[in-house]
Amino acid sequence: MFKLVRSSETIDRQPEPGRLIKNYLTKEFSESFSIAVGELDDSVHSVPNTEPYDRVYYCFHGQAIFQIDDEILNVSEGDAIFLSKNTAYTYTASGKFKAVIINLPAFGSDPKK
């Protein structure tokens, strides 16, 4: 099985000002994982927790500062960060930050399946 998703076919959503999510592979393709590209402009994005998802951010443009508890992580182009489920964090973009976001299982899926 395979699936090619062209950038013109993404499902785009803007959950808050300054933040854009381009969904490439969603739970409709596979409940095991989802892949999106996230863009954040000079703002703070707060994530209360990632339950029930493990999440990976792979930065391919710009920089961001992730805060997990009392730890501060500077993330730049070429860096990847893994956040296990139930991890509360925030991240702040420095300019335009773009990252591939992978959720395991797929974002919006039922993890009990």
N, C-alpha and C. Protein backbone atom coordinates (compact mmCIF):
# COMPACT_ATOMS: atom_id res chain seq x y z
N MET A 1 0.85 -1.18 0.00
CA MET A 1 0.00 0.00 0.00
C MET A 1 0.89 1.24 0.00
N PHE A 2 0.42 2.30 -0.63
CA PHE A 2 1.13 3.57 -0.61
C PHE A 2 0.13 4.70 -0.77
N LYS A 3 0.59 5.89 -0.45
CA LYS A 3 -0.25 7.08 -0.63
C LYS A 3 0.68 8.27 -0.83
N LEU A 4 0.45 8.99 -1.89
CA LEU A 4 1.15 10.24 -2.15
C LEU A 4 0.19 11.38 -1.85
N VAL A 5 0.60 12.29 -0.99
CA VAL A 5 -0.22 13.46 -0.69
C VAL A 5 0.54 14.69 -1.15
N ARG A 6 0.01 15.37 -2.12
CA ARG A 6 0.65 16.58 -2.63
C ARG A 6 0.29 17.75 -1.72
N SER A 7 1.17 18.74 -1.67
CA SER A 7 0.94 19.88 -0.78
C SER A 7 -0.39 20.56 -1.09
N SER A 8 -0.84 20.50 -2.33
CA SER A 8 -2.13 21.11 -2.70
C SER A 8 -3.32 20.31 -2.16
N GLU A 9 -3.07 19.09 -1.65
CA GLU A 9 -4.14 18.23 -1.14
C GLU A 9 -4.22 18.19 0.38
N THR A 10 -3.38 18.95 1.06
CA THR A 10 -3.40 18.90 2.52
C THR A 10 -4.69 19.48 3.07
N ILE A 11 -5.03 19.06 4.26
CA ILE A 11 -6.17 19.61 4.98
C ILE A 11 -5.58 20.65 5.93
N ASP A 12 -5.84 21.91 5.65
CA ASP A 12 -5.24 23.00 6.43
C ASP A 12 -6.20 23.48 7.50
N ARG A 13 -5.65 23.76 8.67
CA ARG A 13 -6.46 24.36 9.73
C ARG A 13 -5.61 25.37 10.48
N GLN A 14 -6.29 26.37 10.98
CA GLN A 14 -5.61 27.42 11.75
C GLN A 14 -6.27 27.46 13.12
N PRO A 15 -5.75 26.65 14.07
CA PRO A 15 -6.38 26.53 15.37
C PRO A 15 -6.31 27.79 16.22
N GLU A 16 -5.36 28.68 15.91
CA GLU A 16 -5.23 29.94 16.64
C GLU A 16 -4.43 30.91 15.77
N PRO A 17 -4.56 32.20 16.01
CA PRO A 17 -3.80 33.17 15.21
C PRO A 17 -2.29 32.90 15.27
N GLY A 18 -1.62 33.01 14.13
CA GLY A 18 -0.19 32.81 14.08
C GLY A 18 0.24 31.36 13.98
N ARG A 19 -0.72 30.45 13.89
CA ARG A 19 -0.42 29.01 13.85
C ARG A 19 -1.20 28.35 12.73
N LEU A 20 -0.50 27.61 11.87
CA LEU A 20 -1.12 26.89 10.76
C LEU A 20 -0.68 25.44 10.81
N ILE A 21 -1.61 24.52 10.63
CA ILE A 21 -1.31 23.09 10.57
C ILE A 21 -1.75 22.59 9.20
N LYS A 22 -0.83 21.96 8.48
CA LYS A 22 -1.12 21.35 7.18
C LYS A 22 -1.07 19.83 7.38
N ASN A 23 -2.24 19.20 7.40
CA ASN A 23 -2.34 17.76 7.64
C ASN A 23 -2.11 16.99 6.35
N TYR A 24 -1.10 16.12 6.37
CA TYR A 24 -0.77 15.29 5.21
C TYR A 24 -1.39 13.91 5.34
N LEU A 25 -1.03 13.17 6.36
CA LEU A 25 -1.59 11.84 6.59
C LEU A 25 -2.35 11.89 7.91
N THR A 26 -3.64 11.59 7.85
CA THR A 26 -4.51 11.70 9.02
C THR A 26 -5.01 10.32 9.44
N LYS A 27 -5.82 10.30 10.48
CA LYS A 27 -6.35 9.04 10.99
C LYS A 27 -7.20 8.32 9.94
N GLU A 28 -7.69 9.05 8.96
CA GLU A 28 -8.46 8.40 7.90
C GLU A 28 -7.58 7.50 7.04
N PHE A 29 -6.28 7.78 6.99
CA PHE A 29 -5.34 6.93 6.27
C PHE A 29 -4.85 5.80 7.17
N SER A 30 -4.44 6.15 8.39
CA SER A 30 -3.94 5.16 9.34
C SER A 30 -4.19 5.65 10.75
N GLU A 31 -4.74 4.79 11.59
CA GLU A 31 -4.93 5.17 12.99
C GLU A 31 -3.63 5.01 13.79
N SER A 32 -2.59 4.45 13.17
CA SER A 32 -1.32 4.23 13.86
C SER A 32 -0.50 5.50 14.02
N PHE A 33 -0.59 6.42 13.04
CA PHE A 33 0.22 7.64 13.07
C PHE A 33 -0.44 8.70 12.20
N SER A 34 -0.04 9.93 12.42
CA SER A 34 -0.44 11.03 11.53
C SER A 34 0.78 11.93 11.33
N ILE A 35 0.80 12.61 10.20
CA ILE A 35 1.90 13.51 9.87
C ILE A 35 1.32 14.83 9.39
N ALA A 36 1.86 15.90 9.95
CA ALA A 36 1.45 17.25 9.57
C ALA A 36 2.68 18.14 9.53
N VAL A 37 2.53 19.31 8.93
CA VAL A 37 3.54 20.34 9.01
C VAL A 37 2.92 21.50 9.77
N GLY A 38 3.61 21.93 10.82
CA GLY A 38 3.12 23.04 11.62
C GLY A 38 3.97 24.28 11.40
N GLU A 39 3.31 25.42 11.34
CA GLU A 39 4.00 26.71 11.21
C GLU A 39 3.54 27.60 12.36
N LEU A 40 4.49 28.25 13.00
CA LEU A 40 4.18 29.15 14.11
C LEU A 40 4.97 30.44 13.91
N ASP A 41 4.28 31.58 14.01
CA ASP A 41 4.90 32.89 13.83
C ASP A 41 5.05 33.60 15.16
N ASP A 42 6.26 33.89 15.57
CA ASP A 42 6.56 34.76 16.72
C ASP A 42 5.50 34.73 17.82
N SER A 43 5.12 33.56 18.27
CA SER A 43 4.13 33.49 19.34
C SER A 43 4.35 32.24 20.17
N VAL A 44 3.61 32.15 21.26
CA VAL A 44 3.72 31.02 22.17
C VAL A 44 2.56 30.08 21.90
N HIS A 45 2.88 28.80 21.82
CA HIS A 45 1.85 27.78 21.68
C HIS A 45 1.90 26.91 22.93
N SER A 46 0.79 26.79 23.61
CA SER A 46 0.72 26.04 24.85
C SER A 46 -0.02 24.73 24.60
N VAL A 47 0.57 23.63 25.02
CA VAL A 47 -0.05 22.32 24.89
C VAL A 47 -0.20 21.76 26.30
N PRO A 48 -1.43 21.66 26.81
CA PRO A 48 -1.59 21.19 28.19
C PRO A 48 -1.03 19.78 28.39
N ASN A 49 -1.24 18.90 27.43
CA ASN A 49 -0.61 17.59 27.43
C ASN A 49 -0.82 16.96 26.06
N THR A 50 -0.08 15.91 25.78
CA THR A 50 -0.19 15.27 24.48
C THR A 50 -0.99 13.98 24.56
N GLU A 51 -1.63 13.78 25.69
CA GLU A 51 -2.40 12.56 25.86
C GLU A 51 -3.42 12.47 24.75
N PRO A 52 -3.59 11.39 24.10
CA PRO A 52 -2.90 10.11 24.28
C PRO A 52 -1.83 9.87 23.20
N TYR A 53 -1.11 10.91 22.84
CA TYR A 53 -0.17 10.81 21.72
C TYR A 53 1.28 10.96 22.15
N ASP A 54 2.14 10.10 21.62
CA ASP A 54 3.55 10.40 21.59
C ASP A 54 3.70 11.35 20.40
N ARG A 55 4.60 12.31 20.50
CA ARG A 55 4.71 13.33 19.45
C ARG A 55 6.18 13.60 19.15
N VAL A 56 6.47 13.77 17.86
CA VAL A 56 7.81 14.13 17.40
C VAL A 56 7.68 15.41 16.58
N TYR A 57 8.55 16.37 16.87
CA TYR A 57 8.69 17.58 16.04
C TYR A 57 10.05 17.49 15.36
N TYR A 58 10.08 17.61 14.05
CA TYR A 58 11.34 17.73 13.32
C TYR A 58 11.37 19.12 12.70
N CYS A 59 12.27 19.97 13.20
CA CYS A 59 12.36 21.36 12.74
C CYS A 59 13.10 21.43 11.41
N PHE A 60 12.47 22.02 10.40
CA PHE A 60 13.15 22.19 9.13
C PHE A 60 13.29 23.66 8.73
N HIS A 61 12.77 24.57 9.57
CA HIS A 61 12.94 26.00 9.30
C HIS A 61 12.79 26.78 10.60
N GLY A 62 13.72 27.68 10.85
CA GLY A 62 13.61 28.57 12.00
C GLY A 62 14.07 27.95 13.30
N GLN A 63 13.61 28.59 14.38
CA GLN A 63 13.98 28.16 15.73
C GLN A 63 12.79 28.30 16.66
N ALA A 64 12.80 27.49 17.71
CA ALA A 64 11.77 27.60 18.75
C ALA A 64 12.39 27.21 20.08
N ILE A 65 11.78 27.70 21.13
CA ILE A 65 12.18 27.34 22.48
C ILE A 65 11.06 26.52 23.08
N PHE A 66 11.37 25.28 23.44
CA PHE A 66 10.41 24.39 24.09
C PHE A 66 10.67 24.43 25.59
N GLN A 67 9.60 24.52 26.37
CA GLN A 67 9.72 24.44 27.82
C GLN A 67 8.92 23.24 28.30
N ILE A 68 9.63 22.33 28.98
CA ILE A 68 9.03 21.13 29.55
C ILE A 68 9.38 21.15 31.02
N ASP A 69 8.36 21.34 31.85
CA ASP A 69 8.58 21.56 33.28
C ASP A 69 9.54 22.74 33.43
N ASP A 70 10.67 22.55 34.10
CA ASP A 70 11.62 23.64 34.31
C ASP A 70 12.75 23.63 33.28
N GLU A 71 12.69 22.72 32.32
CA GLU A 71 13.76 22.59 31.34
C GLU A 71 13.45 23.41 30.08
N ILE A 72 14.46 24.12 29.60
CA ILE A 72 14.36 24.94 28.39
C ILE A 72 15.21 24.28 27.31
N LEU A 73 14.61 24.05 26.13
CA LEU A 73 15.32 23.43 25.02
C LEU A 73 15.24 24.34 23.81
N ASN A 74 16.39 24.69 23.25
CA ASN A 74 16.45 25.47 22.02
C ASN A 74 16.46 24.50 20.85
N VAL A 75 15.47 24.61 19.98
CA VAL A 75 15.32 23.71 18.83
C VAL A 75 15.55 24.51 17.56
N SER A 76 16.46 24.01 16.72
CA SER A 76 16.83 24.69 15.47
C SER A 76 16.68 23.74 14.29
N GLU A 77 16.86 24.30 13.10
CA GLU A 77 16.77 23.50 11.87
C GLU A 77 17.62 22.25 11.98
N GLY A 78 17.02 21.13 11.62
CA GLY A 78 17.71 19.84 11.67
C GLY A 78 17.56 19.10 12.97
N ASP A 79 16.99 19.75 14.01
CA ASP A 79 16.78 19.10 15.31
C ASP A 79 15.42 18.40 15.34
N ALA A 80 15.36 17.35 16.14
CA ALA A 80 14.10 16.66 16.40
C ALA A 80 13.91 16.54 17.90
N ILE A 81 12.66 16.62 18.33
CA ILE A 81 12.36 16.47 19.76
C ILE A 81 11.20 15.49 19.90
N PHE A 82 11.35 14.54 20.82
CA PHE A 82 10.32 13.55 21.10
C PHE A 82 9.66 13.92 22.43
N LEU A 83 8.33 13.90 22.46
CA LEU A 83 7.57 14.18 23.68
C LEU A 83 6.60 13.01 23.89
N SER A 84 6.76 12.33 25.01
CA SER A 84 5.87 11.20 25.28
C SER A 84 4.51 11.70 25.72
N LYS A 85 3.52 10.82 25.59
CA LYS A 85 2.16 11.21 25.96
C LYS A 85 2.13 11.70 27.40
N ASN A 86 1.18 12.56 27.68
CA ASN A 86 0.98 13.18 28.99
C ASN A 86 2.08 14.16 29.38
N THR A 87 2.87 14.62 28.41
CA THR A 87 3.91 15.60 28.68
C THR A 87 3.38 17.00 28.39
N ALA A 88 3.29 17.83 29.42
CA ALA A 88 2.86 19.21 29.23
C ALA A 88 4.06 20.04 28.79
N TYR A 89 3.84 20.91 27.81
CA TYR A 89 4.93 21.74 27.30
C TYR A 89 4.37 22.97 26.61
N THR A 90 5.25 23.93 26.39
CA THR A 90 4.94 25.09 25.55
C THR A 90 6.10 25.26 24.60
N TYR A 91 5.84 25.93 23.48
CA TYR A 91 6.96 26.32 22.63
C TYR A 91 6.70 27.69 22.06
N THR A 92 7.79 28.44 21.91
CA THR A 92 7.75 29.81 21.44
C THR A 92 8.60 29.91 20.19
N ALA A 93 8.02 30.44 19.12
CA ALA A 93 8.76 30.60 17.88
C ALA A 93 9.60 31.85 17.93
N SER A 94 10.74 31.76 17.28
CA SER A 94 11.60 32.92 17.08
C SER A 94 11.56 33.19 15.58
N GLY A 95 10.70 34.11 15.16
CA GLY A 95 10.44 34.28 13.72
C GLY A 95 9.47 33.20 13.29
N LYS A 96 9.59 32.74 12.06
CA LYS A 96 8.72 31.67 11.58
C LYS A 96 9.38 30.33 11.85
N PHE A 97 8.67 29.47 12.57
CA PHE A 97 9.13 28.13 12.92
C PHE A 97 8.28 27.14 12.14
N LYS A 98 8.94 26.20 11.44
CA LYS A 98 8.22 25.17 10.70
C LYS A 98 8.78 23.81 11.09
N ALA A 99 7.86 22.88 11.36
CA ALA A 99 8.28 21.55 11.78
C ALA A 99 7.33 20.49 11.24
N VAL A 100 7.88 19.33 10.94
CA VAL A 100 7.07 18.15 10.67
C VAL A 100 6.64 17.62 12.04
N ILE A 101 5.34 17.31 12.16
CA ILE A 101 4.80 16.81 13.43
C ILE A 101 4.25 15.41 13.19
N ILE A 102 4.74 14.46 13.97
CA ILE A 102 4.28 13.08 13.86
C ILE A 102 3.62 12.71 15.18
N ASN A 103 2.39 12.22 15.10
CA ASN A 103 1.66 11.75 16.29
C ASN A 103 1.51 10.24 16.21
N LEU A 104 1.74 9.58 17.34
CA LEU A 104 1.58 8.13 17.44
C LEU A 104 0.70 7.83 18.64
N PRO A 105 -0.49 7.29 18.53
CA PRO A 105 -1.23 7.00 17.31
C PRO A 105 -1.66 8.28 16.60
N ALA A 106 -2.41 8.13 15.53
CA ALA A 106 -2.83 9.28 14.72
C ALA A 106 -3.62 10.28 15.57
N PHE A 107 -3.39 11.56 15.30
CA PHE A 107 -4.12 12.63 15.99
C PHE A 107 -5.62 12.44 15.78
N GLY A 108 -6.36 12.45 16.86
CA GLY A 108 -7.81 12.31 16.81
C GLY A 108 -8.31 10.89 16.79
N SER A 109 -7.40 9.90 16.79
CA SER A 109 -7.84 8.50 16.76
C SER A 109 -8.09 8.01 18.19
N ASP A 110 -8.72 6.87 18.28
CA ASP A 110 -8.98 6.25 19.58
C ASP A 110 -7.79 5.36 19.92
N PRO A 111 -6.97 5.73 20.91
CA PRO A 111 -5.78 4.95 21.23
C PRO A 111 -6.07 3.57 21.81
N LYS A 112 -7.31 3.31 22.17
CA LYS A 112 -7.66 2.03 22.78
C LYS A 112 -7.93 0.96 21.74
N LYS A 113 -7.95 1.34 20.46
CA LYS A 113 -8.21 0.36 19.38
C LYS A 113 -7.01 -0.52 19.16
